[in-house]
Structure formats: structure tokens, C-alpha cells
């Protein structure tokens, strides 16, 4: 699934972007690879693809890439969060994650916390705070972590006119 991230922060910061899901990329590459390997006509190829669809296309390489993407994006989030916090010394971050549902109420959760540069490990604390929020909404994926890293990297902890540093992030499954 893809998702939309909206962030607004002090210092006139505004970020809104739609992101694709890692699974969509793998599925497209897999389908294109199978189409390229077939020598029959279009109708036969489509019939073969529909009748030979594998319900679970998760393979070892995809699992490895997901793990590496997760590790890379967690490190990037830690670095960008720490740099933003060093610039701000203190900041309040609110994260709201939501997965709408057509039949049942939406799965959503939020977290808000104040982080200081003098804390023991504020980036780790931030990741601990957002984990249950993302998990509840079904958004605990490495692409979402990478998008959060992008938000902190661009925002940089800029302050408002009275010195406050606040960031409001909303992530919605689409």
C-alpha cells in the first residue's frame, strides 16, 4: 500500500508527499520479468499470468532487501532526528498514523513527546514512541521510516518566532 505523509513545523516548514510502497515495486518488477520471459502472444501471456499467479511472492531476495532497507532507514532517521535536535536543543514532536477502512472504523494512533538534546538517547526514545503508533495503523514499514527521516532532514529543527520547536506529522495509508 502507498501512503501520504504531511508534516508541518515551526519555522514555516511544510512537507506533503505521496509515497509508494516497497511491495508495489517488487510486484511490478516480478510481473515485468515474467512477461519478458514468455514468448507467447499477449492473450496467452495474460491467461498464463492469471492462472499461474502465486499467492505468496515473497522470496529470499525481497526479504533481504526489506531488511537492508529497514536498517538503512532506521540509521538515517536516527541521524536526521539527532541533527534536528542538536539544532533545536528541545523539540516537541506529534505523530498521527491512520489507516482508513471502508467497513470498519479506521485504525489510528498517535504519540506526542518532548525531546531534549541532553537526554540519554532521544532518537531511540523517539523510535520507541512511534513504533506502537505505526504498528497500530499498519504502517511499520521501512519506506515509512525513510519518509520520516526525510522530514527531519529537511526540517532541521528550525524554531518559531518565540524559540519553540514543534513538528506535527500525519501519515495516512492510501
Foldseek 3Di string as FASTA:
>chain_A
DKKWKWKAKAPRDTDIDIGDDPVVVVVVVVLVVQVVVDDDDPVVSVVCCVVVPDPDPDDDVNVVVQVVLQVVLLVLQLVLQLQLQVVQQKAKEKEKEWECDPPDHIQIDMDIDMDGNPDPRRSVVVCVRCVVGCVRRVNPGSVVSNVSSVSSNVVSNDHHPVSYIYMYMYMYDD
